[in-house]
Amino acid sequence: MSKARTFSKAEIMDAARAAAETGMCARLHKTGEIEFLHTIQNNEKNEEDESAESALERWVNEGRTRRSA
């Protein structure tokens, strides 16, 4: 079994900066691979206001979607 890789502070900051610039998120794997992923929040621009009710409804709907998948 291989040893988990430790990322340097500079590598983590570079990955975070690149992810922020592209609107993606970065996942740092134990193998040393840095994976960039699209996030649902960044792909869907909500034009509506973010009230507590709409945030709760969105959270409930996302939970239903995950359970049915």
PDB file of N, CA and C in Angstrom:
ATOM      1  N   MET A   1       0.846  -1.167   0.000  1.00  0.00           N
ATOM      2  CA  MET A   1       0.000   0.000   0.000  1.00  0.00           C
ATOM      3  C   MET A   1       0.894   1.232   0.000  1.00  0.00           C
ATOM      4  N   SER A   2       0.578   2.181  -0.868  1.00  0.00           N
ATOM      5  CA  SER A   2       1.420   3.363  -0.971  1.00  0.00           C
ATOM      6  C   SER A   2       1.073   4.380   0.112  1.00  0.00           C
ATOM      7  N   LYS A   3       2.047   5.175   0.435  1.00  0.00           N
ATOM      8  CA  LYS A   3       1.878   6.192   1.460  1.00  0.00           C
ATOM      9  C   LYS A   3       1.104   7.379   0.879  1.00  0.00           C
ATOM     10  N   ALA A   4       0.232   7.969   1.673  1.00  0.00           N
ATOM     11  CA  ALA A   4      -0.538   9.127   1.226  1.00  0.00           C
ATOM     12  C   ALA A   4       0.394  10.303   1.004  1.00  0.00           C
ATOM     13  N   ARG A   5       0.140  11.049  -0.057  1.00  0.00           N
ATOM     14  CA  ARG A   5       0.979  12.187  -0.408  1.00  0.00           C
ATOM     15  C   ARG A   5       0.560  13.402   0.410  1.00  0.00           C
ATOM     16  N   THR A   6       1.519  14.189   0.828  1.00  0.00           N
ATOM     17  CA  THR A   6       1.261  15.428   1.540  1.00  0.00           C
ATOM     18  C   THR A   6       1.485  16.589   0.586  1.00  0.00           C
ATOM     19  N   PHE A   7       0.503  17.463   0.464  1.00  0.00           N
ATOM     20  CA  PHE A   7       0.615  18.616  -0.419  1.00  0.00           C
ATOM     21  C   PHE A   7       1.252  19.779   0.328  1.00  0.00           C
ATOM     22  N   SER A   8       2.079  20.542  -0.384  1.00  0.00           N
ATOM     23  CA  SER A   8       2.684  21.722   0.226  1.00  0.00           C
ATOM     24  C   SER A   8       1.656  22.850   0.262  1.00  0.00           C
ATOM     25  N   LYS A   9       1.918  23.846   1.078  1.00  0.00           N
ATOM     26  CA  LYS A   9       1.014  24.988   1.188  1.00  0.00           C
ATOM     27  C   LYS A   9       0.884  25.694  -0.159  1.00  0.00           C
ATOM     28  N   ALA A  10       1.982  25.804  -0.892  1.00  0.00           N
ATOM     29  CA  ALA A  10       1.958  26.458  -2.202  1.00  0.00           C
ATOM     30  C   ALA A  10       1.095  25.682  -3.194  1.00  0.00           C
ATOM     31  N   GLU A  11       1.174  24.354  -3.165  1.00  0.00           N
ATOM     32  CA  GLU A  11       0.355  23.534  -4.066  1.00  0.00           C
ATOM     33  C   GLU A  11      -1.130  23.686  -3.755  1.00  0.00           C
ATOM     34  N   ILE A  12      -1.462  23.717  -2.483  1.00  0.00           N
ATOM     35  CA  ILE A  12      -2.856  23.879  -2.079  1.00  0.00           C
ATOM     36  C   ILE A  12      -3.366  25.255  -2.495  1.00  0.00           C
ATOM     37  N   MET A  13      -2.564  26.286  -2.285  1.00  0.00           N
ATOM     38  CA  MET A  13      -2.963  27.638  -2.659  1.00  0.00           C
ATOM     39  C   MET A  13      -3.108  27.772  -4.170  1.00  0.00           C
ATOM     40  N   ASP A  14      -2.206  27.169  -4.936  1.00  0.00           N
ATOM     41  CA  ASP A  14      -2.296  27.208  -6.397  1.00  0.00           C
ATOM     42  C   ASP A  14      -3.559  26.513  -6.889  1.00  0.00           C
ATOM     43  N   ALA A  15      -3.884  25.371  -6.300  1.00  0.00           N
ATOM     44  CA  ALA A  15      -5.095  24.644  -6.686  1.00  0.00           C
ATOM     45  C   ALA A  15      -6.340  25.457  -6.337  1.00  0.00           C
ATOM     46  N   ALA A  16      -6.352  26.076  -5.171  1.00  0.00           N
ATOM     47  CA  ALA A  16      -7.494  26.891  -4.759  1.00  0.00           C
ATOM     48  C   ALA A  16      -7.647  28.109  -5.662  1.00  0.00           C
ATOM     49  N   ARG A  17      -6.541  28.737  -6.019  1.00  0.00           N
ATOM     50  CA  ARG A  17      -6.579  29.906  -6.894  1.00  0.00           C
ATOM     51  C   ARG A  17      -7.091  29.530  -8.283  1.00  0.00           C
ATOM     52  N   ALA A  18      -6.586  28.434  -8.827  1.00  0.00           N
ATOM     53  CA  ALA A  18      -7.026  27.983 -10.149  1.00  0.00           C
ATOM     54  C   ALA A  18      -8.505  27.615 -10.137  1.00  0.00           C
ATOM     55  N   ALA A  19      -8.952  26.981  -9.074  1.00  0.00           N
ATOM     56  CA  ALA A  19     -10.363  26.607  -8.963  1.00  0.00           C
ATOM     57  C   ALA A  19     -11.243  27.849  -8.884  1.00  0.00           C
ATOM     58  N   ALA A  20     -10.821  28.839  -8.121  1.00  0.00           N
ATOM     59  CA  ALA A  20     -11.604  30.063  -7.981  1.00  0.00           C
ATOM     60  C   ALA A  20     -11.677  30.827  -9.299  1.00  0.00           C
ATOM     61  N   GLU A  21     -10.581  30.863 -10.039  1.00  0.00           N
ATOM     62  CA  GLU A  21     -10.554  31.583 -11.310  1.00  0.00           C
ATOM     63  C   GLU A  21     -11.435  30.926 -12.361  1.00  0.00           C
ATOM     64  N   THR A  22     -11.581  29.621 -12.306  1.00  0.00           N
ATOM     65  CA  THR A  22     -12.367  28.903 -13.307  1.00  0.00           C
ATOM     66  C   THR A  22     -13.784  28.600 -12.841  1.00  0.00           C
ATOM     67  N   GLY A  23     -14.122  28.920 -11.595  1.00  0.00           N
ATOM     68  CA  GLY A  23     -15.451  28.643 -11.073  1.00  0.00           C
ATOM     69  C   GLY A  23     -15.668  27.175 -10.776  1.00  0.00           C
ATOM     70  N   MET A  24     -14.614  26.465 -10.477  1.00  0.00           N
ATOM     71  CA  MET A  24     -14.697  25.041 -10.188  1.00  0.00           C
ATOM     72  C   MET A  24     -14.234  24.800  -8.759  1.00  0.00           C
ATOM     73  N   CYS A  25     -14.267  23.543  -8.333  1.00  0.00           N
ATOM     74  CA  CYS A  25     -13.698  23.198  -7.039  1.00  0.00           C
ATOM     75  C   CYS A  25     -12.568  22.196  -7.268  1.00  0.00           C
ATOM     76  N   ALA A  26     -11.620  22.187  -6.365  1.00  0.00           N
ATOM     77  CA  ALA A  26     -10.461  21.304  -6.491  1.00  0.00           C
ATOM     78  C   ALA A  26     -10.534  20.216  -5.435  1.00  0.00           C
ATOM     79  N   ARG A  27     -10.249  18.991  -5.846  1.00  0.00           N
ATOM     80  CA  ARG A  27     -10.195  17.855  -4.917  1.00  0.00           C
ATOM     81  C   ARG A  27      -8.767  17.323  -4.953  1.00  0.00           C
ATOM     82  N   LEU A  28      -8.112  17.300  -3.809  1.00  0.00           N
ATOM     83  CA  LEU A  28      -6.743  16.811  -3.712  1.00  0.00           C
ATOM     84  C   LEU A  28      -6.780  15.378  -3.210  1.00  0.00           C
ATOM     85  N   HIS A  29      -6.325  14.454  -4.037  1.00  0.00           N
ATOM     86  CA  HIS A  29      -6.363  13.035  -3.702  1.00  0.00           C
ATOM     87  C   HIS A  29      -5.084  12.607  -2.979  1.00  0.00           C
ATOM     88  N   LYS A  30      -5.178  11.531  -2.217  1.00  0.00           N
ATOM     89  CA  LYS A  30      -4.028  11.002  -1.479  1.00  0.00           C
ATOM     90  C   LYS A  30      -2.918  10.542  -2.407  1.00  0.00           C
ATOM     91  N   THR A  31      -3.271  10.216  -3.648  1.00  0.00           N
ATOM     92  CA  THR A  31      -2.283   9.726  -4.611  1.00  0.00           C
ATOM     93  C   THR A  31      -1.436  10.844  -5.196  1.00  0.00           C
ATOM     94  N   GLY A  32      -1.803  12.091  -4.924  1.00  0.00           N
ATOM     95  CA  GLY A  32      -1.064  13.222  -5.454  1.00  0.00           C
ATOM     96  C   GLY A  32      -1.761  13.889  -6.620  1.00  0.00           C
ATOM     97  N   GLU A  33      -2.884  13.342  -7.025  1.00  0.00           N
ATOM     98  CA  GLU A  33      -3.642  13.897  -8.145  1.00  0.00           C
ATOM     99  C   GLU A  33      -4.514  15.044  -7.650  1.00  0.00           C
ATOM    100  N   ILE A  34      -4.570  16.120  -8.428  1.00  0.00           N
ATOM    101  CA  ILE A  34      -5.463  17.236  -8.143  1.00  0.00           C
ATOM    102  C   ILE A  34      -6.536  17.214  -9.220  1.00  0.00           C
ATOM    103  N   GLU A  35      -7.784  17.062  -8.797  1.00  0.00           N
ATOM    104  CA  GLU A  35      -8.904  16.942  -9.730  1.00  0.00           C
ATOM    105  C   GLU A  35      -9.767  18.194  -9.622  1.00  0.00           C
ATOM    106  N   PHE A  36     -10.094  18.785 -10.767  1.00  0.00           N
ATOM    107  CA  PHE A  36     -10.963  19.954 -10.801  1.00  0.00           C
ATOM    108  C   PHE A  36     -12.355  19.512 -11.223  1.00  0.00           C
ATOM    109  N   LEU A  37     -13.364  19.905 -10.442  1.00  0.00           N
ATOM    110  CA  LEU A  37     -14.740  19.476 -10.674  1.00  0.00           C
ATOM    111  C   LEU A  37     -15.659  20.680 -10.811  1.00  0.00           C
ATOM    112  N   HIS A  38     -16.670  20.535 -11.661  1.00  0.00           N
ATOM    113  CA  HIS A  38     -17.712  21.556 -11.751  1.00  0.00           C
ATOM    114  C   HIS A  38     -18.629  21.392 -10.554  1.00  0.00           C
ATOM    115  N   THR A  39     -19.078  22.489 -10.012  1.00  0.00           N
ATOM    116  CA  THR A  39     -20.018  22.420  -8.899  1.00  0.00           C
ATOM    117  C   THR A  39     -21.386  22.872  -9.375  1.00  0.00           C
ATOM    118  N   ILE A  40     -22.422  22.339  -8.787  1.00  0.00           N
ATOM    119  CA  ILE A  40     -23.785  22.677  -9.178  1.00  0.00           C
ATOM    120  C   ILE A  40     -24.056  24.156  -8.919  1.00  0.00           C
ATOM    121  N   GLN A  41     -23.576  24.676  -7.808  1.00  0.00           N
ATOM    122  CA  GLN A  41     -23.842  26.062  -7.473  1.00  0.00           C
ATOM    123  C   GLN A  41     -23.215  27.011  -8.489  1.00  0.00           C
ATOM    124  N   ASN A  42     -22.047  26.675  -9.025  1.00  0.00           N
ATOM    125  CA  ASN A  42     -21.398  27.546  -9.988  1.00  0.00           C
ATOM    126  C   ASN A  42     -22.023  27.433 -11.369  1.00  0.00           C
ATOM    127  N   ASN A  43     -22.580  26.297 -11.716  1.00  0.00           N
ATOM    128  CA  ASN A  43     -23.179  26.112 -13.027  1.00  0.00           C
ATOM    129  C   ASN A  43     -24.567  26.717 -13.116  1.00  0.00           C
ATOM    130  N   GLU A  44     -25.279  26.758 -12.037  1.00  0.00           N
ATOM    131  CA  GLU A  44     -26.637  27.291 -12.026  1.00  0.00           C
ATOM    132  C   GLU A  44     -26.628  28.644 -11.333  1.00  0.00           C
ATOM    133  N   LYS A  45     -26.780  29.698 -12.101  1.00  0.00           N
ATOM    134  CA  LYS A  45     -26.826  31.039 -11.534  1.00  0.00           C
ATOM    135  C   LYS A  45     -28.260  31.332 -11.113  1.00  0.00           C
ATOM    136  N   ASN A  46     -28.469  31.438  -9.847  1.00  0.00           N
ATOM    137  CA  ASN A  46     -29.812  31.702  -9.335  1.00  0.00           C
ATOM    138  C   ASN A  46     -30.100  33.194  -9.441  1.00  0.00           C
ATOM    139  N   GLU A  47     -31.122  33.524 -10.235  1.00  0.00           N
ATOM    140  CA  GLU A  47     -31.518  34.914 -10.413  1.00  0.00           C
ATOM    141  C   GLU A  47     -32.399  35.373  -9.249  1.00  0.00           C
ATOM    142  N   GLU A  48     -33.034  34.410  -8.578  1.00  0.00           N
ATOM    143  CA  GLU A  48     -33.948  34.740  -7.496  1.00  0.00           C
ATOM    144  C   GLU A  48     -33.189  35.092  -6.219  1.00  0.00           C
ATOM    145  N   ASP A  49     -33.879  35.779  -5.316  1.00  0.00           N
ATOM    146  CA  ASP A  49     -33.259  36.112  -4.038  1.00  0.00           C
ATOM    147  C   ASP A  49     -33.067  34.843  -3.214  1.00  0.00           C
ATOM    148  N   GLU A  50     -32.071  34.848  -2.351  1.00  0.00           N
ATOM    149  CA  GLU A  50     -31.747  33.676  -1.541  1.00  0.00           C
ATOM    150  C   GLU A  50     -32.387  33.841  -0.167  1.00  0.00           C
ATOM    151  N   SER A  51     -33.703  33.688  -0.111  1.00  0.00           N
ATOM    152  CA  SER A  51     -34.401  33.771   1.168  1.00  0.00           C
ATOM    153  C   SER A  51     -34.236  32.452   1.907  1.00  0.00           C
ATOM    154  N   ALA A  52     -34.574  32.457   3.162  1.00  0.00           N
ATOM    155  CA  ALA A  52     -34.451  31.243   3.970  1.00  0.00           C
ATOM    156  C   ALA A  52     -35.361  30.143   3.432  1.00  0.00           C
ATOM    157  N   GLU A  53     -36.556  30.527   2.988  1.00  0.00           N
ATOM    158  CA  GLU A  53     -37.500  29.539   2.466  1.00  0.00           C
ATOM    159  C   GLU A  53     -36.981  28.891   1.184  1.00  0.00           C
ATOM    160  N   SER A  54     -36.445  29.699   0.268  1.00  0.00           N
ATOM    161  CA  SER A  54     -35.946  29.137  -0.988  1.00  0.00           C
ATOM    162  C   SER A  54     -34.699  28.290  -0.753  1.00  0.00           C
ATOM    163  N   ALA A  55     -33.861  28.680   0.194  1.00  0.00           N
ATOM    164  CA  ALA A  55     -32.672  27.882   0.504  1.00  0.00           C
ATOM    165  C   ALA A  55     -33.068  26.532   1.094  1.00  0.00           C
ATOM    166  N   LEU A  56     -34.064  26.533   1.978  1.00  0.00           N
ATOM    167  CA  LEU A  56     -34.542  25.282   2.569  1.00  0.00           C
ATOM    168  C   LEU A  56     -35.160  24.380   1.504  1.00  0.00           C
ATOM    169  N   GLU A  57     -35.959  24.949   0.619  1.00  0.00           N
ATOM    170  CA  GLU A  57     -36.591  24.165  -0.447  1.00  0.00           C
ATOM    171  C   GLU A  57     -35.540  23.551  -1.376  1.00  0.00           C
ATOM    172  N   ARG A  58     -34.517  24.322  -1.733  1.00  0.00           N
ATOM    173  CA  ARG A  58     -33.444  23.815  -2.592  1.00  0.00           C
ATOM    174  C   ARG A  58     -32.700  22.676  -1.894  1.00  0.00           C
ATOM    175  N   TRP A  59     -32.433  22.826  -0.595  1.00  0.00           N
ATOM    176  CA  TRP A  59     -31.730  21.792   0.168  1.00  0.00           C
ATOM    177  C   TRP A  59     -32.543  20.501   0.217  1.00  0.00           C
ATOM    178  N   VAL A  60     -33.849  20.619   0.445  1.00  0.00           N
ATOM    179  CA  VAL A  60     -34.723  19.441   0.487  1.00  0.00           C
ATOM    180  C   VAL A  60     -34.751  18.762  -0.874  1.00  0.00           C
ATOM    181  N   ASN A  61     -34.861  19.536  -1.947  1.00  0.00           N
ATOM    182  CA  ASN A  61     -34.899  18.969  -3.298  1.00  0.00           C
ATOM    183  C   ASN A  61     -33.594  18.270  -3.653  1.00  0.00           C
ATOM    184  N   GLU A  62     -32.461  18.831  -3.254  1.00  0.00           N
ATOM    185  CA  GLU A  62     -31.168  18.187  -3.515  1.00  0.00           C
ATOM    186  C   GLU A  62     -31.067  16.872  -2.767  1.00  0.00           C
ATOM    187  N   GLY A  63     -31.583  16.812  -1.549  1.00  0.00           N
ATOM    188  CA  GLY A  63     -31.574  15.573  -0.775  1.00  0.00           C
ATOM    189  C   GLY A  63     -32.418  14.497  -1.427  1.00  0.00           C
ATOM    190  N   ARG A  64     -33.571  14.886  -1.958  1.00  0.00           N
ATOM    191  CA  ARG A  64     -34.428  13.922  -2.654  1.00  0.00           C
ATOM    192  C   ARG A  64     -33.742  13.396  -3.905  1.00  0.00           C
ATOM    193  N   THR A  65     -33.063  14.274  -4.617  1.00  0.00           N
ATOM    194  CA  THR A  65     -32.368  13.871  -5.839  1.00  0.00           C
ATOM    195  C   THR A  65     -31.262  12.879  -5.520  1.00  0.00           C
ATOM    196  N   ARG A  66     -30.518  13.122  -4.457  1.00  0.00           N
ATOM    197  CA  ARG A  66     -29.419  12.220  -4.081  1.00  0.00           C
ATOM    198  C   ARG A  66     -29.940  10.853  -3.658  1.00  0.00           C
ATOM    199  N   ARG A  67     -31.045  10.830  -2.916  1.00  0.00           N
ATOM    200  CA  ARG A  67     -31.598   9.559  -2.453  1.00  0.00           C
ATOM    201  C   ARG A  67     -32.163   8.737  -3.600  1.00  0.00           C
ATOM    202  N   SER A  68     -32.710   9.398  -4.616  1.00  0.00           N
ATOM    203  CA  SER A  68     -33.308   8.661  -5.730  1.00  0.00           C
ATOM    204  C   SER A  68     -32.263   8.179  -6.726  1.00  0.00           C
ATOM    205  N   ALA A  69     -31.070   8.726  -6.669  1.00  0.00           N
ATOM    206  CA  ALA A  69     -30.021   8.342  -7.630  1.00  0.00           C
ATOM    207  C   ALA A  69     -29.381   7.025  -7.294  1.00  0.00           C
TER     208      ALA A  69
END
